[in-house]
Each structure stands twice: as C-alpha cells, then as structure tokens.
C-alpha atoms as a PDB file:
ATOM      1  CA  MET A   1     -13.136  14.144 -10.816  1.00  0.00           C
ATOM      2  CA  GLU A   2     -12.848  13.078 -14.645  1.00  0.00           C
ATOM      3  CA  LYS A   3      -9.328  11.881 -13.999  1.00  0.00           C
ATOM      4  CA  VAL A   4     -10.224   9.553 -10.933  1.00  0.00           C
ATOM      5  CA  LYS A   5     -12.868   8.426 -13.075  1.00  0.00           C
ATOM      6  CA  LEU A   6     -10.323   7.442 -15.848  1.00  0.00           C
ATOM      7  CA  ILE A   7      -7.738   5.945 -13.500  1.00  0.00           C
ATOM      8  CA  ARG A   8     -10.615   3.621 -11.876  1.00  0.00           C
ATOM      9  CA  PHE A   9     -11.948   2.375 -15.320  1.00  0.00           C
ATOM     10  CA  VAL A  10      -8.311   1.436 -16.425  1.00  0.00           C
ATOM     11  CA  ALA A  11      -7.640  -0.099 -13.179  1.00  0.00           C
ATOM     12  CA  GLN A  12     -10.800  -2.291 -13.366  1.00  0.00           C
ATOM     13  CA  LYS A  13     -10.212  -3.366 -16.894  1.00  0.00           C
ATOM     14  CA  THR A  14      -6.703  -4.069 -16.693  1.00  0.00           C
ATOM     15  CA  GLY A  15      -6.497  -5.283 -13.088  1.00  0.00           C
ATOM     16  CA  GLU A  16      -3.136  -3.404 -12.738  1.00  0.00           C
ATOM     17  CA  CYS A  17      -2.141  -0.008 -11.158  1.00  0.00           C
ATOM     18  CA  ALA A  18      -2.873   2.657 -12.941  1.00  0.00           C
ATOM     19  CA  GLN A  19      -0.789   5.814 -12.307  1.00  0.00           C
ATOM     20  CA  ARG A  20       0.466   4.764  -8.654  1.00  0.00           C
ATOM     21  CA  CYS A  21       0.978   1.413  -7.321  1.00  0.00           C
ATOM     22  CA  MET A  22      -0.976   0.751  -4.085  1.00  0.00           C
ATOM     23  CA  GLY A  23       1.608  -1.857  -2.907  1.00  0.00           C
ATOM     24  CA  TRP A  24       4.353   0.696  -2.899  1.00  0.00           C
ATOM     25  CA  ASP A  25       2.271   3.457  -1.242  1.00  0.00           C
ATOM     26  CA  ALA A  26       1.284   1.093   1.607  1.00  0.00           C
ATOM     27  CA  LEU A  27       4.690  -0.103   2.215  1.00  0.00           C
ATOM     28  CA  ASN A  28       6.239   3.480   1.947  1.00  0.00           C
ATOM     29  CA  ALA A  29       3.425   4.686   4.291  1.00  0.00           C
ATOM     30  CA  LEU A  30       3.985   1.719   6.799  1.00  0.00           C
ATOM     31  CA  TYR A  31       7.891   2.193   6.761  1.00  0.00           C
ATOM     32  CA  SER A  32       7.461   5.816   7.972  1.00  0.00           C
ATOM     33  CA  VAL A  33       4.734   5.215  10.373  1.00  0.00           C
ATOM     34  CA  THR A  34       6.392   2.247  12.334  1.00  0.00           C
ATOM     35  CA  TYR A  35       9.605   4.355  12.256  1.00  0.00           C
ATOM     36  CA  GLU A  36       7.924   7.258  14.036  1.00  0.00           C
ATOM     37  CA  THR A  37       5.895   5.123  16.312  1.00  0.00           C
ATOM     38  CA  ASP A  38       9.228   3.504  17.538  1.00  0.00           C
ATOM     39  CA  HIS A  39      10.789   6.825  18.014  1.00  0.00           C
ATOM     40  CA  LYS A  40       7.826   8.224  19.925  1.00  0.00           C
ATOM     41  CA  TYR A  41       6.916   4.998  21.921  1.00  0.00           C
ATOM     42  CA  GLU A  42      10.059   2.747  22.078  1.00  0.00           C
ATOM     43  CA  THR A  43       8.225  -0.042  20.364  1.00  0.00           C
ATOM     44  CA  PRO A  44       9.689  -2.706  18.182  1.00  0.00           C
ATOM     45  CA  TYR A  45       7.413  -2.070  15.168  1.00  0.00           C
ATOM     46  CA  HIS A  46       9.797  -0.694  12.874  1.00  0.00           C
ATOM     47  CA  SER A  47      12.401  -3.689  13.050  1.00  0.00           C
ATOM     48  CA  ARG A  48       9.556  -6.024  12.911  1.00  0.00           C
ATOM     49  CA  PHE A  49       8.328  -4.305   9.651  1.00  0.00           C
ATOM     50  CA  LYS A  50      11.815  -4.527   8.369  1.00  0.00           C
ATOM     51  CA  ASP A  51      12.106  -8.187   9.248  1.00  0.00           C
ATOM     52  CA  TYR A  52       8.705  -8.789   7.304  1.00  0.00           C
ATOM     53  CA  LEU A  53      10.096  -7.071   4.154  1.00  0.00           C
ATOM     54  CA  THR A  54      13.308  -9.399   4.138  1.00  0.00           C
ATOM     55  CA  TRP A  55      10.758 -12.399   4.535  1.00  0.00           C
ATOM     56  CA  VAL A  56       8.670 -11.033   1.787  1.00  0.00           C
ATOM     57  CA  GLN A  57      11.784 -10.542  -0.706  1.00  0.00           C
ATOM     58  CA  LYS A  58      13.124 -14.066   0.355  1.00  0.00           C
ATOM     59  CA  LYS A  59       9.708 -15.692  -0.352  1.00  0.00           C
ATOM     60  CA  ASP A  60       9.783 -13.668  -3.541  1.00  0.00           C
ATOM     61  CA  ILE A  61       5.969 -13.057  -2.636  1.00  0.00           C
ATOM     62  CA  MET A  62       3.736 -10.099  -3.943  1.00  0.00           C
ATOM     63  CA  VAL A  63       2.350  -7.505  -1.467  1.00  0.00           C
ATOM     64  CA  HIS A  64      -0.720  -5.559  -2.538  1.00  0.00           C
ATOM     65  CA  GLY A  65      -2.508  -2.647  -0.992  1.00  0.00           C
ATOM     66  CA  THR A  66      -5.978  -1.573  -1.670  1.00  0.00           C
ATOM     67  CA  MET A  67      -7.578   1.581  -1.725  1.00  0.00           C
ATOM     68  CA  THR A  68     -11.390   1.774  -1.272  1.00  0.00           C
ATOM     69  CA  ASP A  69     -14.063   4.383  -1.859  1.00  0.00           C
ATOM     70  CA  PRO A  70     -17.007   3.987   0.483  1.00  0.00           C
ATOM     71  CA  GLY A  71     -18.549   7.016  -1.013  1.00  0.00           C
ATOM     72  CA  GLU A  72     -19.312   6.036  -4.232  1.00  0.00           C
ATOM     73  CA  THR A  73     -21.376   2.602  -5.126  1.00  0.00           C
ATOM     74  CA  GLY A  74     -22.715   1.403  -8.414  1.00  0.00           C
ATOM     75  CA  ALA A  75     -21.039   0.104 -11.551  1.00  0.00           C
END
C-alpha cells in the first residue's frame, strides 16, 4: 500500500506518469478488446480503432488514459 501512495504522490506533484503510463495501458487494452470483440461478434471496432490511432499519429496529438480511485477521498 505504501508503494501506491508514493506513486500517487509523485504523479500529483509532477503531473506525469509514475512507473506506468495510463495512456499506453488504455491504448493496449482497447487494441486487444476491439480485436477480440470483432472476432467474437463480427463487428468493425478494431479497424475503426486502428484508423483512429492512425489519425492521432498524423495529427500528432496526445491521448491520455485516466485511472480513478473512488475508494479513497481526501488529500
């Protein structure tokens, strides 16, 4: 638990990823989930997601994932 507190503290103070980047984690999860969903249900999500990533790269924009923790409150 102390490690999690330290990671949160560093992220709050620096405004940066601490240890792992949520944006990369989110993209990796979406890539996998859209592929598996298409395979199971014959949907177009994976190709649309890849088109979105191509658009993001061409526009040179930043994508960010966010992790929330509704179980803790306070400073």
